[in-house]
PDB file of N, CA and C in Angstrom:
ATOM      1  N   MET A   1       1.259  -3.941 -18.571  1.00  0.00           N
ATOM      2  CA  MET A   1       2.724  -3.380 -18.579  1.00  0.00           C
ATOM      3  C   MET A   1       2.813  -2.697 -17.344  1.00  0.00           C
ATOM      4  N   SER A   2       4.319  -3.190 -16.717  1.00  0.00           N
ATOM      5  CA  SER A   2       4.269  -2.939 -14.762  1.00  0.00           C
ATOM      6  C   SER A   2       5.125  -1.564 -15.171  1.00  0.00           C
ATOM      7  N   VAL A   3       5.019  -1.289 -13.947  1.00  0.00           N
ATOM      8  CA  VAL A   3       5.608   0.498 -13.657  1.00  0.00           C
ATOM      9  C   VAL A   3       6.212   0.199 -11.996  1.00  0.00           C
ATOM     10  N   VAL A   4       7.164   0.681 -12.523  1.00  0.00           N
ATOM     11  CA  VAL A   4       7.808   1.051 -10.859  1.00  0.00           C
ATOM     12  C   VAL A   4       8.701   2.208 -11.040  1.00  0.00           C
ATOM     13  N   ALA A   5       8.323   2.638  -9.818  1.00  0.00           N
ATOM     14  CA  ALA A   5       8.717   4.293  -8.738  1.00  0.00           C
ATOM     15  C   ALA A   5       9.276   3.955  -7.806  1.00  0.00           C
ATOM     16  N   SER A   6      10.820   4.446  -7.681  1.00  0.00           N
ATOM     17  CA  SER A   6      11.596   3.918  -6.765  1.00  0.00           C
ATOM     18  C   SER A   6      12.004   5.024  -6.136  1.00  0.00           C
ATOM     19  N   TYR A   7      13.067   4.706  -4.910  1.00  0.00           N
ATOM     20  CA  TYR A   7      13.169   5.757  -3.871  1.00  0.00           C
ATOM     21  C   TYR A   7      14.232   5.010  -3.716  1.00  0.00           C
ATOM     22  N   GLU A   8      15.893   5.447  -3.819  1.00  0.00           N
ATOM     23  CA  GLU A   8      16.967   5.337  -3.348  1.00  0.00           C
ATOM     24  C   GLU A   8      17.374   5.483  -1.823  1.00  0.00           C
ATOM     25  N   ILE A   9      17.728   4.983  -0.578  1.00  0.00           N
ATOM     26  CA  ILE A   9      17.850   5.505   0.250  1.00  0.00           C
ATOM     27  C   ILE A   9      19.425   4.723   1.623  1.00  0.00           C
ATOM     28  N   PRO A  10      20.277   6.306   1.430  1.00  0.00           N
ATOM     29  CA  PRO A  10      21.620   5.436   2.266  1.00  0.00           C
ATOM     30  C   PRO A  10      20.536   5.548   3.605  1.00  0.00           C
ATOM     31  N   ASN A  11      21.941   4.838   4.465  1.00  0.00           N
ATOM     32  CA  ASN A  11      21.545   4.880   5.808  1.00  0.00           C
ATOM     33  C   ASN A  11      20.089   4.040   6.086  1.00  0.00           C
ATOM     34  N   GLN A  12      19.664   3.328   4.910  1.00  0.00           N
ATOM     35  CA  GLN A  12      18.220   2.651   5.089  1.00  0.00           C
ATOM     36  C   GLN A  12      17.975   1.781   6.022  1.00  0.00           C
ATOM     37  N   TRP A  13      18.572   0.909   6.716  1.00  0.00           N
ATOM     38  CA  TRP A  13      18.384   0.440   7.648  1.00  0.00           C
ATOM     39  C   TRP A  13      18.488   0.629   9.596  1.00  0.00           C
ATOM     40  N   LEU A  14      17.978   2.336   9.276  1.00  0.00           N
ATOM     41  CA  LEU A  14      17.857   2.934  10.464  1.00  0.00           C
ATOM     42  C   LEU A  14      16.693   3.180  10.469  1.00  0.00           C
ATOM     43  N   PHE A  15      16.058   2.737   9.482  1.00  0.00           N
ATOM     44  CA  PHE A  15      14.193   4.029   9.463  1.00  0.00           C
ATOM     45  C   PHE A  15      13.501   2.889   8.443  1.00  0.00           C
ATOM     46  N   GLN A  16      11.944   2.760   8.821  1.00  0.00           N
ATOM     47  CA  GLN A  16      10.979   2.861   8.094  1.00  0.00           C
ATOM     48  C   GLN A  16      10.665   3.412   6.361  1.00  0.00           C
ATOM     49  N   ILE A  17       9.961   2.955   5.801  1.00  0.00           N
ATOM     50  CA  ILE A  17       9.582   3.257   4.722  1.00  0.00           C
ATOM     51  C   ILE A  17       8.123   3.531   4.658  1.00  0.00           C
ATOM     52  N   SER A  18       7.045   4.410   4.095  1.00  0.00           N
ATOM     53  CA  SER A  18       5.867   4.130   3.471  1.00  0.00           C
ATOM     54  C   SER A  18       5.618   4.983   2.359  1.00  0.00           C
ATOM     55  N   TRP A  19       4.905   4.326   1.198  1.00  0.00           N
ATOM     56  CA  TRP A  19       4.336   4.969   0.348  1.00  0.00           C
ATOM     57  C   TRP A  19       2.704   4.819   0.136  1.00  0.00           C
ATOM     58  N   GLN A  20       2.356   6.875  -0.309  1.00  0.00           N
ATOM     59  CA  GLN A  20       0.907   6.919  -0.435  1.00  0.00           C
ATOM     60  C   GLN A  20       0.838   7.674  -1.530  1.00  0.00           C
ATOM     61  N   LYS A  21      -0.443   7.333  -1.726  1.00  0.00           N
ATOM     62  CA  LYS A  21      -0.913   8.590  -3.228  1.00  0.00           C
ATOM     63  C   LYS A  21      -1.378   9.746  -2.479  1.00  0.00           C
ATOM     64  N   VAL A  22      -0.659  10.854  -3.387  1.00  0.00           N
ATOM     65  CA  VAL A  22      -0.873  12.214  -2.725  1.00  0.00           C
ATOM     66  C   VAL A  22      -2.194  12.214  -2.609  1.00  0.00           C
ATOM     67  N   GLY A  23      -2.556  12.755  -1.669  1.00  0.00           N
ATOM     68  CA  GLY A  23      -4.256  13.457  -2.219  1.00  0.00           C
ATOM     69  C   GLY A  23      -5.382  12.249  -1.218  1.00  0.00           C
ATOM     70  N   LYS A  24      -4.761  11.082  -0.708  1.00  0.00           N
ATOM     71  CA  LYS A  24      -5.321   9.874  -0.169  1.00  0.00           C
ATOM     72  C   LYS A  24      -5.727  10.520   1.094  1.00  0.00           C
ATOM     73  N   GLU A  25      -6.008   9.573   1.965  1.00  0.00           N
ATOM     74  CA  GLU A  25      -5.477   9.905   3.882  1.00  0.00           C
ATOM     75  C   GLU A  25      -4.981   8.175   4.109  1.00  0.00           C
ATOM     76  N   HIS A  26      -5.089   7.064   3.333  1.00  0.00           N
ATOM     77  CA  HIS A  26      -4.328   6.053   3.387  1.00  0.00           C
ATOM     78  C   HIS A  26      -3.167   5.528   3.109  1.00  0.00           C
ATOM     79  N   LEU A  27      -2.332   5.141   3.701  1.00  0.00           N
ATOM     80  CA  LEU A  27      -0.950   4.560   3.247  1.00  0.00           C
ATOM     81  C   LEU A  27      -1.146   3.500   2.681  1.00  0.00           C
ATOM     82  N   LEU A  28      -0.016   3.368   1.284  1.00  0.00           N
ATOM     83  CA  LEU A  28      -0.257   2.605   0.664  1.00  0.00           C
ATOM     84  C   LEU A  28       0.453   1.004   1.138  1.00  0.00           C
ATOM     85  N   SER A  29       1.466   1.136   1.869  1.00  0.00           N
ATOM     86  CA  SER A  29       2.130   0.913   2.558  1.00  0.00           C
ATOM     87  C   SER A  29       2.922   0.435   3.422  1.00  0.00           C
ATOM     88  N   ILE A  30       3.614   0.085   4.498  1.00  0.00           N
ATOM     89  CA  ILE A  30       4.733   0.377   5.297  1.00  0.00           C
ATOM     90  C   ILE A  30       5.930  -0.351   5.376  1.00  0.00           C
ATOM     91  N   GLY A  31       6.889  -0.497   5.319  1.00  0.00           N
ATOM     92  CA  GLY A  31       8.062  -1.060   4.377  1.00  0.00           C
ATOM     93  C   GLY A  31       7.613  -2.222   3.787  1.00  0.00           C
ATOM     94  N   THR A  32       7.107  -3.359   3.810  1.00  0.00           N
ATOM     95  CA  THR A  32       7.183  -4.296   2.898  1.00  0.00           C
ATOM     96  C   THR A  32       6.068  -4.536   2.430  1.00  0.00           C
ATOM     97  N   GLU A  33       5.284  -4.295   3.499  1.00  0.00           N
ATOM     98  CA  GLU A  33       3.794  -4.837   3.639  1.00  0.00           C
ATOM     99  C   GLU A  33       2.934  -3.545   3.152  1.00  0.00           C
ATOM    100  N   VAL A  34       2.268  -4.483   1.773  1.00  0.00           N
ATOM    101  CA  VAL A  34       1.453  -3.514   1.163  1.00  0.00           C
ATOM    102  C   VAL A  34      -0.112  -3.056   2.029  1.00  0.00           C
ATOM    103  N   TRP A  35      -0.870  -2.054   2.514  1.00  0.00           N
ATOM    104  CA  TRP A  35      -1.797  -1.934   3.245  1.00  0.00           C
ATOM    105  C   TRP A  35      -2.906  -2.189   2.620  1.00  0.00           C
ATOM    106  N   VAL A  36      -3.104  -1.894   1.250  1.00  0.00           N
ATOM    107  CA  VAL A  36      -4.731  -1.886   0.865  1.00  0.00           C
ATOM    108  C   VAL A  36      -4.479  -3.366  -0.132  1.00  0.00           C
ATOM    109  N   LYS A  37      -5.557  -3.580  -0.227  1.00  0.00           N
ATOM    110  CA  LYS A  37      -5.952  -4.741  -0.997  1.00  0.00           C
ATOM    111  C   LYS A  37      -6.133  -5.022  -2.499  1.00  0.00           C
ATOM    112  N   ASP A  38      -4.890  -4.684  -2.890  1.00  0.00           N
ATOM    113  CA  ASP A  38      -4.939  -4.455  -4.227  1.00  0.00           C
ATOM    114  C   ASP A  38      -3.849  -5.482  -4.870  1.00  0.00           C
ATOM    115  N   HIS A  39      -4.195  -6.224  -5.226  1.00  0.00           N
ATOM    116  CA  HIS A  39      -3.596  -7.695  -5.728  1.00  0.00           C
ATOM    117  C   HIS A  39      -2.475  -7.006  -7.098  1.00  0.00           C
ATOM    118  N   ASN A  40      -2.504  -5.946  -6.975  1.00  0.00           N
ATOM    119  CA  ASN A  40      -1.556  -4.266  -8.300  1.00  0.00           C
ATOM    120  C   ASN A  40      -0.795  -4.530  -7.975  1.00  0.00           C
ATOM    121  N   LEU A  41      -0.637  -4.671  -6.710  1.00  0.00           N
ATOM    122  CA  LEU A  41       0.546  -3.371  -5.999  1.00  0.00           C
ATOM    123  C   LEU A  41       1.841  -4.460  -5.029  1.00  0.00           C
ATOM    124  N   GLU A  42       3.075  -4.345  -5.157  1.00  0.00           N
ATOM    125  CA  GLU A  42       3.693  -4.631  -4.921  1.00  0.00           C
ATOM    126  C   GLU A  42       5.209  -3.889  -4.126  1.00  0.00           C
ATOM    127  N   ILE A  43       5.772  -4.412  -2.891  1.00  0.00           N
ATOM    128  CA  ILE A  43       6.795  -3.339  -3.022  1.00  0.00           C
ATOM    129  C   ILE A  43       8.000  -4.348  -2.634  1.00  0.00           C
ATOM    130  N   LYS A  44       8.946  -4.124  -3.547  1.00  0.00           N
ATOM    131  CA  LYS A  44       9.880  -4.620  -3.716  1.00  0.00           C
ATOM    132  C   LYS A  44      11.377  -3.932  -3.494  1.00  0.00           C
ATOM    133  N   HIS A  45      12.196  -4.752  -2.440  1.00  0.00           N
ATOM    134  CA  HIS A  45      13.092  -4.256  -1.194  1.00  0.00           C
ATOM    135  C   HIS A  45      14.920  -4.289  -1.958  1.00  0.00           C
ATOM    136  N   GLN A  46      15.575  -3.534  -2.440  1.00  0.00           N
ATOM    137  CA  GLN A  46      16.883  -4.109  -1.939  1.00  0.00           C
ATOM    138  C   GLN A  46      17.958  -3.679  -1.566  1.00  0.00           C
ATOM    139  N   MET A  47      18.419  -4.315  -1.077  1.00  0.00           N
ATOM    140  CA  MET A  47      20.127  -3.578   0.162  1.00  0.00           C
ATOM    141  C   MET A  47      20.991  -4.224  -1.184  1.00  0.00           C
ATOM    142  N   TRP A  48      21.722  -2.892  -0.646  1.00  0.00           N
ATOM    143  CA  TRP A  48      23.231  -2.202  -1.636  1.00  0.00           C
ATOM    144  C   TRP A  48      24.059  -2.182  -0.975  1.00  0.00           C
ATOM    145  N   PRO A  49      25.555  -2.217  -1.294  1.00  0.00           N
ATOM    146  CA  PRO A  49      26.738  -2.005   0.007  1.00  0.00           C
ATOM    147  C   PRO A  49      26.630  -0.808   0.763  1.00  0.00           C
ATOM    148  N   ALA A  50      27.301  -0.008   1.733  1.00  0.00           N
ATOM    149  CA  ALA A  50      26.899   0.863   2.381  1.00  0.00           C
ATOM    150  C   ALA A  50      25.633   1.295   3.024  1.00  0.00           C
ATOM    151  N   ASN A  51      25.218  -0.136   2.926  1.00  0.00           N
ATOM    152  CA  ASN A  51      23.663   0.438   3.920  1.00  0.00           C
ATOM    153  C   ASN A  51      22.530   1.386   3.273  1.00  0.00           C
ATOM    154  N   VAL A  52      22.802   1.726   1.734  1.00  0.00           N
ATOM    155  CA  VAL A  52      21.565   1.802   0.874  1.00  0.00           C
ATOM    156  C   VAL A  52      21.501   0.955   0.582  1.00  0.00           C
ATOM    157  N   GLY A  53      19.543   1.538   0.617  1.00  0.00           N
ATOM    158  CA  GLY A  53      18.440   0.444   0.150  1.00  0.00           C
ATOM    159  C   GLY A  53      17.775   1.630  -1.118  1.00  0.00           C
ATOM    160  N   ASP A  54      16.855   0.204  -1.918  1.00  0.00           N
ATOM    161  CA  ASP A  54      15.958   0.856  -3.060  1.00  0.00           C
ATOM    162  C   ASP A  54      14.477   0.605  -2.733  1.00  0.00           C
ATOM    163  N   TRP A  55      13.831   1.315  -3.054  1.00  0.00           N
ATOM    164  CA  TRP A  55      12.377   0.931  -2.199  1.00  0.00           C
ATOM    165  C   TRP A  55      10.957   0.985  -3.264  1.00  0.00           C
ATOM    166  N   ASN A  56      10.733   0.357  -4.170  1.00  0.00           N
ATOM    167  CA  ASN A  56      10.132   0.009  -5.339  1.00  0.00           C
ATOM    168  C   ASN A  56       8.546  -0.478  -4.629  1.00  0.00           C
ATOM    169  N   LEU A  57       7.671   0.618  -5.533  1.00  0.00           N
ATOM    170  CA  LEU A  57       6.182   0.659  -5.777  1.00  0.00           C
ATOM    171  C   LEU A  57       6.031   0.218  -6.856  1.00  0.00           C
ATOM    172  N   VAL A  58       5.887  -0.781  -7.107  1.00  0.00           N
ATOM    173  CA  VAL A  58       5.786  -2.037  -8.678  1.00  0.00           C
ATOM    174  C   VAL A  58       3.836  -1.907  -8.569  1.00  0.00           C
ATOM    175  N   PHE A  59       3.899  -1.392  -9.677  1.00  0.00           N
ATOM    176  CA  PHE A  59       2.556  -1.741 -10.521  1.00  0.00           C
ATOM    177  C   PHE A  59       1.891  -2.792 -11.117  1.00  0.00           C
ATOM    178  N   HIS A  60       1.634  -3.914 -10.956  1.00  0.00           N
ATOM    179  CA  HIS A  60       2.151  -5.116 -12.299  1.00  0.00           C
ATOM    180  C   HIS A  60       0.863  -4.689 -13.358  1.00  0.00           C
ATOM    181  N   GLU A  61      -0.039  -4.582 -12.751  1.00  0.00           N
ATOM    182  CA  GLU A  61      -0.939  -4.028 -14.301  1.00  0.00           C
ATOM    183  C   GLU A  61      -1.361  -2.295 -14.224  1.00  0.00           C
ATOM    184  N   ALA A  62      -0.941  -1.158 -14.568  1.00  0.00           N
ATOM    185  CA  ALA A  62      -0.812  -0.080 -14.340  1.00  0.00           C
ATOM    186  C   ALA A  62      -1.866   0.651 -15.431  1.00  0.00           C
ATOM    187  N   ARG A  63      -3.151   0.573 -14.282  1.00  0.00           N
ATOM    188  CA  ARG A  63      -4.440   1.226 -15.036  1.00  0.00           C
ATOM    189  C   ARG A  63      -5.061   2.604 -15.145  1.00  0.00           C
ATOM    190  N   LEU A  64      -5.539   3.436 -15.539  1.00  0.00           N
ATOM    191  CA  LEU A  64      -5.996   4.773 -16.060  1.00  0.00           C
ATOM    192  C   LEU A  64      -6.148   5.590 -14.203  1.00  0.00           C
ATOM    193  N   ASN A  65      -6.642   4.936 -12.854  1.00  0.00           N
ATOM    194  CA  ASN A  65      -6.941   5.202 -12.137  1.00  0.00           C
ATOM    195  C   ASN A  65      -5.333   5.182 -11.493  1.00  0.00           C
ATOM    196  N   ASP A  66      -4.705   4.758 -11.641  1.00  0.00           N
ATOM    197  CA  ASP A  66      -3.262   4.519 -10.949  1.00  0.00           C
ATOM    198  C   ASP A  66      -2.540   6.246 -11.037  1.00  0.00           C
ATOM    199  N   SER A  67      -2.705   6.811 -12.176  1.00  0.00           N
ATOM    200  CA  SER A  67      -2.181   7.891 -12.553  1.00  0.00           C
ATOM    201  C   SER A  67      -2.342   8.962 -11.375  1.00  0.00           C
ATOM    202  N   GLY A  68      -1.180   9.514 -10.860  1.00  0.00           N
ATOM    203  CA  GLY A  68      -1.581  10.534  -9.872  1.00  0.00           C
ATOM    204  C   GLY A  68      -0.135  10.187  -9.248  1.00  0.00           C
ATOM    205  N   VAL A  69       0.122  11.462  -8.424  1.00  0.00           N
ATOM    206  CA  VAL A  69       1.442  11.601  -7.771  1.00  0.00           C
ATOM    207  C   VAL A  69       1.758  10.939  -6.823  1.00  0.00           C
ATOM    208  N   TYR A  70       2.721  10.009  -6.857  1.00  0.00           N
ATOM    209  CA  TYR A  70       2.835   8.662  -5.256  1.00  0.00           C
ATOM    210  C   TYR A  70       4.015   9.727  -4.690  1.00  0.00           C
ATOM    211  N   GLU A  71       4.148   8.956  -3.293  1.00  0.00           N
ATOM    212  CA  GLU A  71       4.952   9.744  -2.083  1.00  0.00           C
ATOM    213  C   GLU A  71       5.428   8.625  -1.556  1.00  0.00           C
ATOM    214  N   CYS A  72       6.830   8.685  -1.252  1.00  0.00           N
ATOM    215  CA  CYS A  72       8.066   7.731  -0.604  1.00  0.00           C
ATOM    216  C   CYS A  72       7.995   8.923   0.306  1.00  0.00           C
ATOM    217  N   GLN A  73       7.816   8.281   2.344  1.00  0.00           N
ATOM    218  CA  GLN A  73       8.639   8.945   2.936  1.00  0.00           C
ATOM    219  C   GLN A  73       9.311   8.309   3.922  1.00  0.00           C
ATOM    220  N   VAL A  74      10.260   8.679   4.422  1.00  0.00           N
ATOM    221  CA  VAL A  74      10.978   7.743   5.239  1.00  0.00           C
ATOM    222  C   VAL A  74      10.429   8.297   6.447  1.00  0.00           C
ATOM    223  N   ILE A  75      10.551   7.123   7.635  1.00  0.00           N
ATOM    224  CA  ILE A  75       9.307   7.524   8.446  1.00  0.00           C
ATOM    225  C   ILE A  75      10.647   7.473   9.995  1.00  0.00           C
ATOM    226  N   SER A  76      10.809   9.394  10.104  1.00  0.00           N
ATOM    227  CA  SER A  76      11.945   9.210  10.976  1.00  0.00           C
ATOM    228  C   SER A  76      12.051  10.997  11.496  1.00  0.00           C
ATOM    229  N   THR A  77      12.963  11.681  12.382  1.00  0.00           N
ATOM    230  CA  THR A  77      12.465  12.200  13.037  1.00  0.00           C
ATOM    231  C   THR A  77      12.654  13.512  12.078  1.00  0.00           C
ATOM    232  N   ASP A  78      13.077  13.485  11.316  1.00  0.00           N
ATOM    233  CA  ASP A  78      13.330  14.272   9.882  1.00  0.00           C
ATOM    234  C   ASP A  78      12.492  13.682   8.522  1.00  0.00           C
ATOM    235  N   LYS A  79      11.299  14.904   8.379  1.00  0.00           N
ATOM    236  CA  LYS A  79      10.237  13.927   7.030  1.00  0.00           C
ATOM    237  C   LYS A  79      11.515  13.990   5.966  1.00  0.00           C
ATOM    238  N   LEU A  80      11.933  13.120   5.714  1.00  0.00           N
ATOM    239  CA  LEU A  80      12.555  12.747   3.870  1.00  0.00           C
ATOM    240  C   LEU A  80      11.441  12.016   3.203  1.00  0.00           C
ATOM    241  N   THR A  81      11.119  12.760   2.191  1.00  0.00           N
ATOM    242  CA  THR A  81      10.068  12.055   1.037  1.00  0.00           C
ATOM    243  C   THR A  81      10.759  12.345  -0.393  1.00  0.00           C
ATOM    244  N   ARG A  82      10.579  11.802  -1.170  1.00  0.00           N
ATOM    245  CA  ARG A  82      10.367  12.178  -3.063  1.00  0.00           C
ATOM    246  C   ARG A  82       9.114  11.689  -2.932  1.00  0.00           C
ATOM    247  N   ARG A  83       8.701  12.529  -3.907  1.00  0.00           N
ATOM    248  CA  ARG A  83       7.126  11.804  -5.070  1.00  0.00           C
ATOM    249  C   ARG A  83       7.489  12.264  -6.023  1.00  0.00           C
ATOM    250  N   VAL A  84       6.428  10.889  -6.530  1.00  0.00           N
ATOM    251  CA  VAL A  84       6.719  10.909  -8.577  1.00  0.00           C
ATOM    252  C   VAL A  84       5.580  10.789  -8.891  1.00  0.00           C
ATOM    253  N   ARG A  85       4.937  11.252 -10.402  1.00  0.00           N
ATOM    254  CA  ARG A  85       4.005  11.632 -11.018  1.00  0.00           C
ATOM    255  C   ARG A  85       4.137  10.596 -12.092  1.00  0.00           C
ATOM    256  N   LEU A  86       2.570   9.225 -11.749  1.00  0.00           N
ATOM    257  CA  LEU A  86       2.581   8.520 -12.729  1.00  0.00           C
ATOM    258  C   LEU A  86       1.706   8.598 -13.318  1.00  0.00           C
ATOM    259  N   SER A  87       1.566   8.576 -14.984  1.00  0.00           N
ATOM    260  CA  SER A  87       0.597   9.202 -16.191  1.00  0.00           C
ATOM    261  C   SER A  87       0.122   7.843 -16.635  1.00  0.00           C
ATOM    262  N   VAL A  88      -0.839   7.418 -16.677  1.00  0.00           N
ATOM    263  CA  VAL A  88      -1.128   6.118 -17.188  1.00  0.00           C
ATOM    264  C   VAL A  88      -1.743   7.295 -18.614  1.00  0.00           C
ATOM    265  N   VAL A  89      -1.514   7.169 -19.934  1.00  0.00           N
ATOM    266  CA  VAL A  89      -2.331   7.657 -20.587  1.00  0.00           C
ATOM    267  C   VAL A  89      -3.119   6.632 -21.263  1.00  0.00           C
ATOM    268  N   GLY A  90      -2.846   5.725 -21.303  1.00  0.00           N
ATOM    269  CA  GLY A  90      -3.851   4.636 -22.352  1.00  0.00           C
ATOM    270  C   GLY A  90      -3.194   3.138 -21.599  1.00  0.00           C
ATOM    271  N   GLU A  91      -4.042   2.305 -22.688  1.00  0.00           N
ATOM    272  CA  GLU A  91      -3.408   0.868 -22.404  1.00  0.00           C
ATOM    273  C   GLU A  91      -2.767   0.231 -23.651  1.00  0.00           C
ATOM    274  N   LEU A  92      -1.944  -0.514 -22.643  1.00  0.00           N
ATOM    275  CA  LEU A  92      -0.390  -1.579 -23.590  1.00  0.00           C
ATOM    276  C   LEU A  92      -1.669  -2.390 -24.483  1.00  0.00           C
ATOM    277  N   MET A  93      -1.693  -2.199 -25.743  1.00  0.00           N
ATOM    278  CA  MET A  93      -2.409  -3.309 -27.011  1.00  0.00           C
ATOM    279  C   MET A  93      -1.207  -3.855 -27.425  1.00  0.00           C
ATOM    280  N   ILE A  94      -1.688  -5.413 -27.715  1.00  0.00           N
ATOM    281  CA  ILE A  94      -0.240  -5.720 -28.730  1.00  0.00           C
ATOM    282  C   ILE A  94      -1.408  -6.500 -29.775  1.00  0.00           C
ATOM    283  N   HIS A  95      -0.815  -6.224 -30.846  1.00  0.00           N
ATOM    284  CA  HIS A  95      -1.502  -6.395 -32.097  1.00  0.00           C
ATOM    285  C   HIS A  95      -0.488  -7.973 -33.015  1.00  0.00           C
ATOM    286  N   PHE A  96      -1.306  -9.006 -32.781  1.00  0.00           N
ATOM    287  CA  PHE A  96      -0.597  -9.973 -33.648  1.00  0.00           C
ATOM    288  C   PHE A  96      -0.702 -10.118 -35.325  1.00  0.00           C
ATOM    289  N   VAL A  97       0.556 -10.435 -35.663  1.00  0.00           N
ATOM    290  CA  VAL A  97      -0.101  -9.747 -37.308  1.00  0.00           C
ATOM    291  C   VAL A  97       0.224 -11.326 -38.100  1.00  0.00           C
TER     292      VAL A  97
END
């Protein structure tokens, strides 16, 4: 099951964006580049009119150890952040009858 954490940023073209799991020292991404060796993660970026951009942290297969708080930060002189909590409580199972 895919999970998406999203952050919509106005005047996005002025800034770089980073994603980080709170409590970890390393960044997961800067811009659209994923900085960790995890093929489960992807950054998707979409530009909209009026220079608004969506920055999405995508987990292709959400795992129990992906649970936690994630922070998207606009890298600028002002610290603009958004935190989202991901809770993976079990594995998706499909049974065919």
